[in-house]
Amino acid sequence: MEQVKEEMVRRAIEIGIVKDPQWMERLDEPVPMWVLLEMVMRLHDVLNPPHKPFD
């Protein structure tokens, strides 16, 4: 489970959602809701691109 948390925080830092690299040391602390929502919205855009053709 720790690897999953580390991967999520690493990706959030890479794409610029999380600006503080010290989050890697605080994986079990709750994150702000805006961080979680931003990650969900970006994941949605990756999985369902807005300009993807239907056929």
N, C-alpha and C. Protein backbone atom coordinates (compact mmCIF):
# COMPACT_ATOMS: atom_id res chain seq x y z
N MET A 1 0.82 -1.20 0.00
CA MET A 1 0.00 0.00 0.00
C MET A 1 0.86 1.26 0.00
N GLU A 2 2.02 1.20 0.64
CA GLU A 2 2.90 2.36 0.68
C GLU A 2 3.38 2.74 -0.72
N GLN A 3 3.62 1.74 -1.58
CA GLN A 3 4.07 2.04 -2.94
C GLN A 3 3.00 2.79 -3.70
N VAL A 4 1.75 2.43 -3.50
CA VAL A 4 0.65 3.11 -4.19
C VAL A 4 0.58 4.57 -3.75
N LYS A 5 0.70 4.80 -2.45
CA LYS A 5 0.68 6.17 -1.93
C LYS A 5 1.85 6.98 -2.48
N GLU A 6 3.03 6.38 -2.47
CA GLU A 6 4.21 7.08 -2.98
C GLU A 6 4.06 7.41 -4.45
N GLU A 7 3.52 6.50 -5.23
CA GLU A 7 3.33 6.73 -6.66
C GLU A 7 2.34 7.87 -6.91
N MET A 8 1.24 7.88 -6.15
CA MET A 8 0.25 8.95 -6.31
C MET A 8 0.83 10.31 -5.99
N VAL A 9 1.57 10.40 -4.90
CA VAL A 9 2.17 11.69 -4.52
C VAL A 9 3.24 12.09 -5.52
N ARG A 10 4.03 11.14 -5.98
CA ARG A 10 5.08 11.44 -6.96
C ARG A 10 4.47 12.01 -8.23
N ARG A 11 3.40 11.38 -8.70
CA ARG A 11 2.73 11.88 -9.91
C ARG A 11 2.11 13.25 -9.69
N ALA A 12 1.53 13.46 -8.52
CA ALA A 12 0.93 14.76 -8.22
C ALA A 12 2.00 15.84 -8.20
N ILE A 13 3.18 15.52 -7.71
CA ILE A 13 4.29 16.48 -7.70
C ILE A 13 4.77 16.73 -9.12
N GLU A 14 4.87 15.67 -9.93
CA GLU A 14 5.35 15.80 -11.31
C GLU A 14 4.46 16.69 -12.16
N ILE A 15 3.15 16.54 -12.02
CA ILE A 15 2.25 17.33 -12.87
C ILE A 15 1.92 18.69 -12.25
N GLY A 16 2.44 18.94 -11.06
CA GLY A 16 2.31 20.28 -10.49
C GLY A 16 1.13 20.50 -9.59
N ILE A 17 0.39 19.47 -9.24
CA ILE A 17 -0.74 19.65 -8.32
C ILE A 17 -0.22 19.94 -6.92
N VAL A 18 0.73 19.15 -6.50
CA VAL A 18 1.35 19.34 -5.19
C VAL A 18 2.69 20.03 -5.40
N LYS A 19 2.87 21.15 -4.75
CA LYS A 19 4.09 21.93 -4.90
C LYS A 19 5.14 21.59 -3.84
N ASP A 20 4.73 20.97 -2.76
CA ASP A 20 5.62 20.70 -1.63
C ASP A 20 6.11 19.25 -1.67
N PRO A 21 7.40 19.01 -1.98
CA PRO A 21 7.91 17.65 -2.04
C PRO A 21 7.94 16.95 -0.69
N GLN A 22 7.70 17.68 0.40
CA GLN A 22 7.69 17.06 1.72
C GLN A 22 6.45 16.18 1.94
N TRP A 23 5.51 16.21 1.01
CA TRP A 23 4.35 15.32 1.11
C TRP A 23 4.79 13.86 1.09
N MET A 24 5.94 13.56 0.48
CA MET A 24 6.43 12.19 0.44
C MET A 24 6.70 11.65 1.84
N GLU A 25 6.98 12.54 2.77
CA GLU A 25 7.24 12.13 4.15
C GLU A 25 5.97 12.03 4.98
N ARG A 26 4.85 12.53 4.45
CA ARG A 26 3.60 12.56 5.21
C ARG A 26 2.49 11.85 4.45
N LEU A 27 2.74 10.62 4.02
CA LEU A 27 1.79 9.91 3.17
C LEU A 27 0.49 9.56 3.88
N ASP A 28 0.52 9.40 5.18
CA ASP A 28 -0.68 8.99 5.91
C ASP A 28 -1.52 10.15 6.41
N GLU A 29 -1.03 11.37 6.23
CA GLU A 29 -1.81 12.53 6.63
C GLU A 29 -2.86 12.84 5.57
N PRO A 30 -4.00 13.35 5.98
CA PRO A 30 -5.02 13.70 4.99
C PRO A 30 -4.55 14.83 4.07
N VAL A 31 -4.97 14.75 2.82
CA VAL A 31 -4.63 15.82 1.87
C VAL A 31 -5.80 16.78 1.79
N PRO A 32 -5.54 18.00 1.39
CA PRO A 32 -6.65 18.94 1.20
C PRO A 32 -7.60 18.43 0.10
N MET A 33 -8.85 18.74 0.23
CA MET A 33 -9.85 18.27 -0.72
C MET A 33 -9.56 18.76 -2.13
N TRP A 34 -9.04 19.97 -2.28
CA TRP A 34 -8.76 20.49 -3.63
C TRP A 34 -7.70 19.66 -4.32
N VAL A 35 -6.74 19.11 -3.57
CA VAL A 35 -5.71 18.27 -4.18
C VAL A 35 -6.34 16.99 -4.70
N LEU A 36 -7.19 16.38 -3.90
CA LEU A 36 -7.86 15.16 -4.32
C LEU A 36 -8.75 15.40 -5.53
N LEU A 37 -9.51 16.48 -5.53
CA LEU A 37 -10.39 16.78 -6.66
C LEU A 37 -9.59 17.08 -7.93
N GLU A 38 -8.50 17.79 -7.79
CA GLU A 38 -7.65 18.10 -8.95
C GLU A 38 -7.10 16.81 -9.56
N MET A 39 -6.68 15.88 -8.71
CA MET A 39 -6.16 14.61 -9.21
C MET A 39 -7.25 13.82 -9.93
N VAL A 40 -8.45 13.80 -9.39
CA VAL A 40 -9.56 13.09 -10.02
C VAL A 40 -9.91 13.72 -11.36
N MET A 41 -9.95 15.04 -11.43
CA MET A 41 -10.29 15.71 -12.68
C MET A 41 -9.23 15.46 -13.76
N ARG A 42 -7.98 15.50 -13.38
CA ARG A 42 -6.92 15.23 -14.36
C ARG A 42 -6.95 13.78 -14.82
N LEU A 43 -7.21 12.87 -13.91
CA LEU A 43 -7.32 11.46 -14.29
C LEU A 43 -8.50 11.26 -15.24
N HIS A 44 -9.60 11.94 -14.98
CA HIS A 44 -10.77 11.84 -15.86
C HIS A 44 -10.43 12.35 -17.26
N ASP A 45 -9.70 13.46 -17.34
CA ASP A 45 -9.32 14.01 -18.64
C ASP A 45 -8.37 13.08 -19.39
N VAL A 46 -7.55 12.36 -18.67
CA VAL A 46 -6.63 11.42 -19.32
C VAL A 46 -7.40 10.21 -19.84
N LEU A 47 -8.33 9.69 -19.03
CA LEU A 47 -9.07 8.49 -19.43
C LEU A 47 -10.17 8.79 -20.45
N ASN A 48 -10.75 9.97 -20.38
CA ASN A 48 -11.83 10.37 -21.28
C ASN A 48 -11.51 11.74 -21.87
N PRO A 49 -10.62 11.79 -22.86
CA PRO A 49 -10.24 13.09 -23.44
C PRO A 49 -11.46 13.83 -23.96
N PRO A 50 -11.51 15.14 -23.78
CA PRO A 50 -12.70 15.91 -24.19
C PRO A 50 -12.90 15.96 -25.69
N HIS A 51 -11.86 15.79 -26.48
CA HIS A 51 -12.00 15.90 -27.95
C HIS A 51 -11.84 14.55 -28.64
N LYS A 52 -12.17 13.50 -27.95
CA LYS A 52 -12.06 12.16 -28.50
C LYS A 52 -13.28 11.87 -29.37
N PRO A 53 -13.08 11.38 -30.60
CA PRO A 53 -14.23 11.05 -31.45
C PRO A 53 -15.00 9.86 -30.90
N PHE A 54 -16.29 9.81 -31.17
CA PHE A 54 -17.14 8.75 -30.65
C PHE A 54 -17.06 7.46 -31.47
N ASP A 55 -16.61 7.55 -32.70
CA ASP A 55 -16.59 6.34 -33.54
C ASP A 55 -15.25 5.73 -33.64
